[in-house]
Amino acid sequence: MSKIYDIVCFSSQEFRRKDDLWTNKQHIMKRLAATNRVLFVNPLSCFSVRRCIRLKKPFPVLERDPENLWIFWSHRITSRRFARNWKIHKWFNTALLRRCIRKLHMRKNLVLWFYDPEMEYMPGKLGERLVVYDCVDIMSAFPRYGDPVLRAEFIEKEERLVRRSDLVFATTDAIYREKKVLNESTYLVPNVGDFEHFSAALSPDLKPAGEIARMKRPVIGFIGAVTDYKLDIPLLEAVAQMRPDWSLVLAGPVLKPCDRFGSSSLSERENVHVLGKVPYEKLPAYVKGFDVCIIPYALNDYTRGVFPIKFFEYMATGKPVVSTPLPSLLGYSPLVSFGKSPTEFIGAVEEALREEDESIVRKRIETARENTWPGRIRRIMGLIEQHWPNKQSASNQQGFG
């Protein structure tokens, strides 16, 4: 990168999540903050007394994070149901954000980087030179947009953002095809993994996590959030029932609402271990204790556009990987095996347990090494350089007026 950029990132998730799950937003912005100035805009939040006490401010707006970036706290001051008040709310947060941008002197090479289409009203209001939409999910398929009216409104907002963006990044082919119709400057940039972090599992000095090491073998493991809309709960139930001699591990928080999981038999079975939140720094030790790593995702409108970050994290350890046939992963066979029905999934796991080909292990590790966050950042920042305007854009000329 030849420039130092001032990046305002509009995220759909807080930078420091309570569940300790790292997503694209944290991985990318943390790394960009090492050489650029980054203001991470948390999504709309309610007033938090605990946060006020921690920051020693009655109305916290801006805070410095140890990861070398700044965090802006958006504040919800009214409900969306009241259209006139919602306009006041948007004006209020925009004014606060402008003030913070001035305070941080983020004016020269300003980039608005969107993950959250709900903030599509921001382009043109902050003096930016470039607008980027990094589309990592089919967000309209999230449970929060289950209401048809809300879903239609969200789709309209996202389409406006895509059309107004100078650059659109898509993590899967399904997303790429949809956005390319709306914006010619759309590029396929798949997800990657933290190779340096997870390849620590290859070191003989790293011992498997104690609770995994004490489990009955084989250990069939998953890391990540336990959710109804992502995980194929009936599939997991069937696997646990049909193979009671396997230890089935779900290492991650159970995110609410999770009614289907809650009403299932998974948490009651002796061979199923729901571990809850695991700190990110400890995940390599957990994966090291797995005999087979699994991605048991349901096949639905949401997952047709998913590229699981955990795929390359698993691959960095060299462990066998079994997944349901997600469109984004089909091209990686035979490094990953697939199973749709319980019988097919169990068959793929059993085949993985018999794996003895060291060349496949090496190929997994090498593939993970080729798909890292630094590589993805070089790709997207190269595209930003390529599309950087030579002259002041119309939005920049508008300034903060």
Protein backbone atom coordinates (compact mmCIF):
# COMPACT_ATOMS: atom_id res chain seq x y z
CA MET A 1 0.00 0.00 0.00
CA SER A 2 1.46 3.34 -1.06
CA LYS A 3 -1.03 5.45 0.89
CA ILE A 4 -2.04 5.71 4.52
CA TYR A 5 -5.81 5.51 4.55
CA ASP A 6 -8.34 6.90 6.99
CA ILE A 7 -10.91 4.11 7.22
CA VAL A 8 -14.34 4.41 8.81
CA CYS A 9 -15.72 0.89 9.14
CA PHE A 10 -19.49 0.52 9.57
CA SER A 11 -19.79 -2.89 11.19
CA SER A 12 -22.79 -5.12 11.78
CA GLN A 13 -21.15 -6.46 14.97
CA GLU A 14 -19.27 -4.93 17.87
CA PHE A 15 -15.48 -5.04 17.68
CA ARG A 16 -15.17 -6.72 21.08
CA ARG A 17 -17.90 -9.35 21.06
CA LYS A 18 -19.02 -10.91 24.32
CA ASP A 19 -18.96 -14.35 22.67
CA ASP A 20 -15.29 -13.87 21.65
CA LEU A 21 -16.05 -14.95 18.07
CA TRP A 22 -13.78 -13.33 15.52
CA THR A 23 -15.29 -12.41 12.14
CA ASN A 24 -14.05 -10.74 8.96
CA LYS A 25 -14.52 -7.32 10.52
CA GLN A 26 -12.18 -7.85 13.44
CA HIS A 27 -9.56 -9.75 11.44
CA ILE A 28 -9.35 -7.18 8.65
CA MET A 29 -9.67 -3.97 10.64
CA LYS A 30 -7.20 -5.10 13.29
CA ARG A 31 -4.59 -5.69 10.60
CA LEU A 32 -5.37 -2.52 8.65
CA ALA A 33 -4.99 -0.49 11.85
CA ALA A 34 -1.31 -1.45 11.99
CA THR A 35 -0.52 0.86 9.05
CA ASN A 36 -3.67 2.96 8.62
CA ARG A 37 -6.01 4.95 10.83
CA VAL A 38 -9.20 3.01 11.53
CA LEU A 39 -12.42 4.16 13.18
CA PHE A 40 -14.59 1.12 13.88
CA VAL A 41 -18.27 2.09 14.09
CA ASN A 42 -20.13 -0.34 16.31
CA PRO A 43 -23.77 -0.99 15.33
CA LEU A 44 -26.61 0.81 17.05
CA SER A 45 -26.57 0.11 20.76
CA CYS A 46 -28.68 0.91 23.78
CA PHE A 47 -27.41 3.08 26.63
CA SER A 48 -25.09 0.99 28.82
CA VAL A 49 -24.40 1.94 32.43
CA ARG A 50 -21.61 -0.66 32.60
CA ARG A 51 -19.87 0.89 29.58
CA CYS A 52 -20.21 4.37 31.09
CA ILE A 53 -18.53 3.17 34.28
CA ARG A 54 -15.74 1.41 32.38
CA LEU A 55 -14.98 4.43 30.22
CA LYS A 56 -15.62 6.90 33.08
CA LYS A 57 -17.88 8.94 30.82
CA PRO A 58 -21.59 9.70 31.21
CA PHE A 59 -22.23 9.41 27.46
CA PRO A 60 -19.49 7.33 25.82
CA VAL A 61 -19.01 7.94 22.11
CA LEU A 62 -15.35 7.36 21.28
CA GLU A 63 -12.76 5.06 22.82
CA ARG A 64 -9.28 3.81 21.96
CA ASP A 65 -8.85 0.06 21.64
CA PRO A 66 -5.62 -1.82 22.45
CA GLU A 67 -5.62 -3.12 18.85
CA ASN A 68 -4.53 0.36 17.72
CA LEU A 69 -7.88 1.49 16.39
CA TRP A 70 -10.67 3.76 17.59
CA ILE A 71 -14.21 2.61 18.35
CA PHE A 72 -17.26 4.79 17.80
CA TRP A 73 -20.40 3.90 19.74
CA SER A 74 -23.60 4.59 17.82
CA HIS A 75 -26.54 5.38 20.09
CA ARG A 76 -30.13 4.35 19.59
CA ILE A 77 -32.24 7.23 20.83
CA THR A 78 -35.57 6.29 19.26
CA SER A 79 -37.38 3.41 17.58
CA ARG A 80 -37.52 2.84 13.83
CA ARG A 81 -41.30 2.76 14.14
CA PHE A 82 -41.36 6.55 14.49
CA ALA A 83 -40.20 7.74 11.08
CA ARG A 84 -39.77 11.44 11.97
CA ASN A 85 -37.85 10.64 15.15
CA TRP A 86 -35.71 8.13 13.26
CA LYS A 87 -34.57 10.94 10.95
CA ILE A 88 -33.51 12.90 14.03
CA HIS A 89 -31.73 9.82 15.32
CA LYS A 90 -29.76 9.44 12.07
CA TRP A 91 -28.89 13.14 12.05
CA PHE A 92 -27.70 12.93 15.67
CA ASN A 93 -25.36 9.96 15.07
CA THR A 94 -24.07 11.44 11.82
CA ALA A 95 -23.22 14.69 13.65
CA LEU A 96 -21.39 12.77 16.39
CA LEU A 97 -19.45 10.78 13.81
CA ARG A 98 -18.44 13.91 11.90
CA ARG A 99 -17.15 15.39 15.14
CA CYS A 100 -15.08 12.28 15.89
CA ILE A 101 -13.63 12.22 12.36
CA ARG A 102 -12.54 15.84 12.76
CA LYS A 103 -11.10 15.14 16.20
CA LEU A 104 -9.03 12.25 14.79
CA HIS A 105 -8.00 14.34 11.73
CA MET A 106 -9.33 11.64 9.39
CA ARG A 107 -9.84 13.79 6.28
CA LYS A 108 -7.14 13.19 3.66
CA ASN A 109 -7.70 9.67 2.23
CA LEU A 110 -11.05 8.87 3.78
CA VAL A 111 -12.63 5.51 2.94
CA LEU A 112 -16.09 4.47 4.11
CA TRP A 113 -16.00 0.68 4.51
CA PHE A 114 -19.42 -0.90 4.96
CA TYR A 115 -20.41 -4.26 6.38
CA ASP A 116 -23.81 -3.03 7.54
CA PRO A 117 -26.30 -1.96 4.83
CA GLU A 118 -28.46 -0.38 7.56
CA MET A 119 -25.98 2.52 7.38
CA GLU A 120 -26.51 3.08 3.64
CA TYR A 121 -27.52 6.71 4.28
CA MET A 122 -23.93 7.66 5.20
CA PRO A 123 -22.20 7.96 1.77
CA GLY A 124 -21.83 11.60 0.79
CA LYS A 125 -22.07 12.93 4.35
CA LEU A 126 -18.53 12.50 5.68
CA GLY A 127 -16.24 13.85 2.96
CA GLU A 128 -15.08 10.41 1.81
CA ARG A 129 -13.00 9.70 -1.29
CA LEU A 130 -14.12 6.08 -1.74
CA VAL A 131 -17.02 3.86 -0.65
CA VAL A 132 -16.47 0.12 -0.16
CA TYR A 133 -19.09 -2.52 0.57
CA ASP A 134 -17.55 -5.76 1.85
CA CYS A 135 -20.40 -8.25 1.54
CA VAL A 136 -19.61 -11.37 3.56
CA ASP A 137 -23.11 -12.81 4.06
CA ILE A 138 -26.58 -12.92 2.57
CA MET A 139 -27.75 -10.72 5.42
CA SER A 140 -31.36 -10.57 4.25
CA ALA A 141 -31.61 -14.25 5.24
CA PHE A 142 -30.73 -13.50 8.88
CA PRO A 143 -33.49 -14.40 11.38
CA ARG A 144 -33.83 -10.72 12.35
CA TYR A 145 -35.29 -10.10 8.89
CA GLY A 146 -37.80 -12.91 9.10
CA ASP A 147 -40.68 -10.46 8.77
CA PRO A 148 -41.36 -10.02 5.01
CA VAL A 149 -41.74 -6.24 5.34
CA LEU A 150 -38.44 -5.85 7.21
CA ARG A 151 -36.72 -8.14 4.72
CA ALA A 152 -37.98 -6.13 1.75
CA GLU A 153 -36.85 -2.88 3.39
CA PHE A 154 -33.40 -4.32 4.09
CA ILE A 155 -32.98 -5.63 0.52
CA GLU A 156 -33.85 -2.15 -0.78
CA LYS A 157 -31.26 -0.55 1.51
CA GLU A 158 -28.59 -3.02 0.49
CA GLU A 159 -29.28 -2.48 -3.21
CA ARG A 160 -28.90 1.28 -2.72
CA LEU A 161 -25.58 0.75 -0.95
CA VAL A 162 -24.29 -1.59 -3.66
CA ARG A 163 -25.17 0.92 -6.39
CA ARG A 164 -23.56 3.82 -4.50
CA SER A 165 -20.34 1.95 -3.70
CA ASP A 166 -17.15 2.48 -5.68
CA LEU A 167 -16.11 -1.09 -4.87
CA VAL A 168 -17.99 -4.20 -3.78
CA PHE A 169 -16.24 -7.29 -2.40
CA ALA A 170 -18.09 -10.61 -2.31
CA THR A 171 -16.89 -13.64 -0.35
CA THR A 172 -18.79 -16.29 -2.35
CA ASP A 173 -19.83 -16.84 -5.94
CA ALA A 174 -23.52 -16.66 -4.99
CA ILE A 175 -23.07 -13.17 -3.50
CA TYR A 176 -20.80 -12.10 -6.36
CA ARG A 177 -23.36 -12.96 -9.04
CA GLU A 178 -26.11 -11.03 -7.23
CA LYS A 179 -24.05 -7.88 -6.63
CA LYS A 180 -22.35 -7.83 -10.04
CA VAL A 181 -25.74 -7.19 -11.65
CA LEU A 182 -26.05 -4.00 -9.59
CA ASN A 183 -22.44 -2.81 -9.69
CA GLU A 184 -19.81 -3.64 -12.33
CA SER A 185 -17.03 -2.93 -9.82
CA THR A 186 -17.81 -6.10 -7.87
CA TYR A 187 -14.99 -8.55 -7.14
CA LEU A 188 -14.94 -12.08 -5.77
CA VAL A 189 -12.64 -12.12 -2.73
CA PRO A 190 -13.24 -15.32 -0.72
CA ASN A 191 -12.78 -15.68 3.00
CA VAL A 192 -9.49 -16.89 4.41
CA GLY A 193 -8.11 -18.07 7.77
CA ASP A 194 -5.61 -17.06 10.44
CA PHE A 195 -2.88 -19.51 9.40
CA GLU A 196 -0.27 -18.21 11.83
CA HIS A 197 -2.62 -18.63 14.77
CA PHE A 198 -4.09 -22.06 13.99
CA SER A 199 -0.94 -23.67 12.58
CA ALA A 200 0.34 -23.55 16.16
CA ALA A 201 -1.54 -26.85 16.49
CA LEU A 202 1.19 -28.43 14.35
CA SER A 203 3.79 -27.78 17.03
CA PRO A 204 4.60 -30.70 19.34
CA ASP A 205 4.97 -28.13 22.12
CA LEU A 206 1.25 -27.33 22.05
CA LYS A 207 -0.78 -29.84 24.04
CA PRO A 208 -4.44 -30.54 23.27
CA ALA A 209 -6.88 -28.73 25.54
CA GLY A 210 -7.35 -30.69 28.75
CA GLU A 211 -11.11 -31.21 28.47
CA ILE A 212 -10.68 -32.52 24.90
CA ALA A 213 -7.79 -34.81 25.85
CA ARG A 214 -9.93 -36.46 28.53
CA MET A 215 -12.76 -37.34 26.15
CA LYS A 216 -13.43 -40.75 24.67
CA ARG A 217 -11.95 -41.17 21.19
CA PRO A 218 -12.65 -40.43 18.45
CA VAL A 219 -13.44 -36.74 18.99
CA ILE A 220 -15.49 -35.17 16.22
CA GLY A 221 -15.27 -31.43 16.74
CA PHE A 222 -16.79 -28.12 15.68
CA ILE A 223 -15.69 -24.59 16.64
CA GLY A 224 -18.00 -21.63 16.28
CA ALA A 225 -21.39 -20.31 17.29
CA VAL A 226 -24.21 -22.77 17.93
CA THR A 227 -27.18 -21.31 16.06
CA ASP A 228 -30.40 -22.63 14.60
CA TYR A 229 -30.02 -20.87 11.26
CA LYS A 230 -26.46 -22.08 10.65
CA LEU A 231 -26.20 -25.56 12.14
CA ASP A 232 -28.10 -28.58 10.89
CA ILE A 233 -29.46 -29.60 14.30
CA PRO A 234 -31.34 -32.73 13.07
CA LEU A 235 -28.15 -33.90 11.35
CA LEU A 236 -26.13 -33.53 14.55
CA GLU A 237 -28.82 -35.31 16.54
CA ALA A 238 -28.79 -38.23 14.13
CA VAL A 239 -24.98 -38.48 14.15
CA ALA A 240 -24.91 -38.46 17.97
CA GLN A 241 -27.61 -41.13 18.12
CA MET A 242 -26.18 -43.39 15.42
CA ARG A 243 -22.61 -43.20 16.74
CA PRO A 244 -22.83 -43.16 20.56
CA ASP A 245 -19.18 -44.24 20.73
CA TRP A 246 -18.07 -40.92 19.21
CA SER A 247 -17.47 -37.79 21.28
CA LEU A 248 -19.25 -34.96 19.48
CA VAL A 249 -17.87 -31.55 20.52
CA LEU A 250 -19.45 -28.14 19.93
CA ALA A 251 -16.89 -25.56 21.08
CA GLY A 252 -18.62 -22.19 20.98
CA PRO A 253 -21.37 -20.11 22.55
CA VAL A 254 -25.04 -20.95 22.11
CA LEU A 255 -26.47 -17.80 20.54
CA LYS A 256 -30.06 -16.88 21.30
CA PRO A 257 -32.65 -17.42 20.00
CA CYS A 258 -31.75 -21.07 19.54
CA ASP A 259 -35.11 -22.83 19.98
CA ARG A 260 -34.40 -25.77 17.70
CA PHE A 261 -31.15 -26.55 19.51
CA GLY A 262 -32.80 -26.01 22.90
CA SER A 263 -35.58 -28.48 22.13
CA SER A 264 -33.20 -31.07 20.68
CA SER A 265 -31.63 -33.95 22.57
CA LEU A 266 -28.06 -32.76 21.94
CA SER A 267 -27.45 -31.15 25.32
CA GLU A 268 -28.78 -34.28 27.08
CA ARG A 269 -26.68 -36.91 25.33
CA GLU A 270 -23.62 -38.20 27.14
CA ASN A 271 -21.53 -38.30 23.97
CA VAL A 272 -22.29 -34.64 23.09
CA HIS A 273 -20.19 -31.95 24.73
CA VAL A 274 -21.41 -28.35 24.41
CA LEU A 275 -18.46 -26.37 25.76
CA GLY A 276 -19.71 -22.80 25.42
CA LYS A 277 -17.43 -19.86 24.70
CA VAL A 278 -13.76 -20.69 24.14
CA PRO A 279 -11.24 -17.81 24.09
CA TYR A 280 -9.85 -17.24 20.61
CA GLU A 281 -6.25 -17.69 21.72
CA LYS A 282 -7.04 -21.20 23.01
CA LEU A 283 -8.83 -22.52 19.92
CA PRO A 284 -5.72 -24.14 18.31
CA ALA A 285 -5.35 -26.38 21.37
CA TYR A 286 -8.97 -27.46 21.02
CA VAL A 287 -8.70 -28.23 17.32
CA LYS A 288 -5.49 -30.15 17.98
CA GLY A 289 -7.52 -32.53 20.14
CA PHE A 290 -10.06 -33.23 17.37
CA ASP A 291 -9.74 -36.37 15.27
CA VAL A 292 -12.04 -34.92 12.61
CA CYS A 293 -13.17 -31.30 12.20
CA ILE A 294 -16.71 -30.75 11.00
CA ILE A 295 -18.81 -27.99 9.42
CA PRO A 296 -22.36 -29.35 9.86
CA TYR A 297 -24.18 -26.37 8.35
CA ALA A 298 -27.79 -26.48 7.28
CA LEU A 299 -28.42 -25.88 3.59
CA ASN A 300 -30.67 -22.81 3.36
CA ASP A 301 -30.90 -19.29 1.90
CA TYR A 302 -28.31 -18.01 4.34
CA THR A 303 -25.67 -20.73 3.97
CA ARG A 304 -25.78 -20.74 0.16
CA GLY A 305 -23.75 -17.54 0.48
CA VAL A 306 -21.50 -18.62 3.37
CA PHE A 307 -17.77 -19.25 3.23
CA PRO A 308 -16.88 -20.41 6.76
CA ILE A 309 -13.71 -18.82 8.12
CA LYS A 310 -13.24 -21.97 10.18
CA PHE A 311 -12.58 -23.97 6.99
CA PHE A 312 -9.06 -22.59 6.51
CA GLU A 313 -8.54 -22.50 10.27
CA TYR A 314 -9.16 -26.26 10.33
CA MET A 315 -6.98 -26.75 7.25
CA ALA A 316 -4.06 -24.95 8.91
CA THR A 317 -3.90 -27.78 11.46
CA GLY A 318 -3.84 -30.49 8.76
CA LYS A 319 -6.82 -32.24 10.35
CA PRO A 320 -9.42 -34.03 8.17
CA VAL A 321 -12.47 -31.86 7.45
CA VAL A 322 -16.03 -33.06 6.82
CA SER A 323 -18.77 -30.63 5.80
CA THR A 324 -22.25 -30.56 4.44
CA PRO A 325 -22.07 -29.66 0.71
CA LEU A 326 -21.83 -25.88 0.99
CA PRO A 327 -21.52 -24.35 -2.50
CA SER A 328 -18.46 -22.31 -1.48
CA LEU A 329 -16.47 -25.41 -0.43
CA LEU A 330 -17.28 -27.87 -3.22
CA GLY A 331 -14.21 -26.85 -5.22
CA TYR A 332 -11.85 -27.94 -2.40
CA SER A 333 -12.48 -31.68 -2.71
CA PRO A 334 -10.67 -34.00 -1.94
CA LEU A 335 -9.13 -31.90 0.84
CA VAL A 336 -12.58 -31.84 2.43
CA SER A 337 -15.23 -34.58 2.37
CA PHE A 338 -18.97 -33.98 2.11
CA GLY A 339 -22.12 -35.56 3.47
CA LYS A 340 -25.67 -34.27 3.26
CA SER A 341 -27.75 -36.97 4.97
CA PRO A 342 -26.80 -38.46 8.35
CA THR A 343 -25.66 -41.67 6.64
CA GLU A 344 -23.51 -39.78 4.12
CA PHE A 345 -22.06 -37.52 6.82
CA ILE A 346 -21.17 -40.46 9.09
CA GLY A 347 -19.63 -42.28 6.13
CA ALA A 348 -17.45 -39.25 5.35
CA VAL A 349 -16.32 -39.01 8.99
CA GLU A 350 -15.50 -42.72 9.11
CA GLU A 351 -13.45 -42.38 5.93
CA ALA A 352 -11.64 -39.40 7.45
CA LEU A 353 -10.84 -41.41 10.57
CA ARG A 354 -9.14 -44.00 8.36
CA GLU A 355 -7.07 -41.41 6.52
CA GLU A 356 -3.38 -42.29 6.30
CA ASP A 357 -2.24 -40.25 3.30
CA GLU A 358 0.28 -37.71 4.60
CA SER A 359 0.34 -35.93 1.24
CA ILE A 360 -3.28 -34.81 1.77
CA VAL A 361 -2.33 -33.46 5.19
CA ARG A 362 0.52 -31.47 3.67
CA LYS A 363 -1.76 -30.23 0.88
CA ARG A 364 -4.30 -28.96 3.44
CA ILE A 365 -1.62 -27.06 5.32
CA GLU A 366 -0.20 -25.58 2.13
CA THR A 367 -3.65 -24.53 0.90
CA ALA A 368 -4.32 -22.81 4.23
CA ARG A 369 -0.94 -21.09 4.00
CA GLU A 370 -1.98 -19.68 0.62
CA ASN A 371 -5.26 -18.30 1.98
CA THR A 372 -4.42 -15.92 4.81
CA TRP A 373 -5.66 -12.54 6.04
CA PRO A 374 -2.50 -10.67 4.91
CA GLY A 375 -3.04 -12.08 1.41
CA ARG A 376 -6.70 -11.08 1.36
CA ILE A 377 -5.86 -7.59 2.58
CA ARG A 378 -3.21 -7.17 -0.14
CA ARG A 379 -5.84 -8.16 -2.70
CA ILE A 380 -8.54 -5.75 -1.53
CA MET A 381 -6.15 -2.85 -0.88
CA GLY A 382 -4.73 -3.38 -4.36
CA LEU A 383 -8.25 -3.00 -5.75
CA ILE A 384 -8.75 0.15 -3.68
CA GLU A 385 -5.53 1.58 -5.12
CA GLN A 386 -6.74 0.64 -8.60
CA HIS A 387 -10.10 2.39 -8.13
CA TRP A 388 -8.81 5.39 -6.17
CA PRO A 389 -10.15 8.62 -7.72
CA ASN A 390 -7.60 10.91 -9.34
CA LYS A 391 -9.73 13.93 -8.64
CA GLN A 392 -11.82 15.01 -5.67
CA SER A 393 -15.04 13.02 -5.73
CA ALA A 394 -18.43 14.71 -5.60
CA SER A 395 -18.97 13.40 -2.07
CA ASN A 396 -15.62 14.83 -0.96
CA GLN A 397 -16.48 18.19 -2.44
CA GLN A 398 -19.70 18.11 -0.45
CA GLY A 399 -17.61 17.81 2.70
CA PHE A 400 -19.26 18.11 6.08
CA GLY A 401 -21.90 20.59 5.03
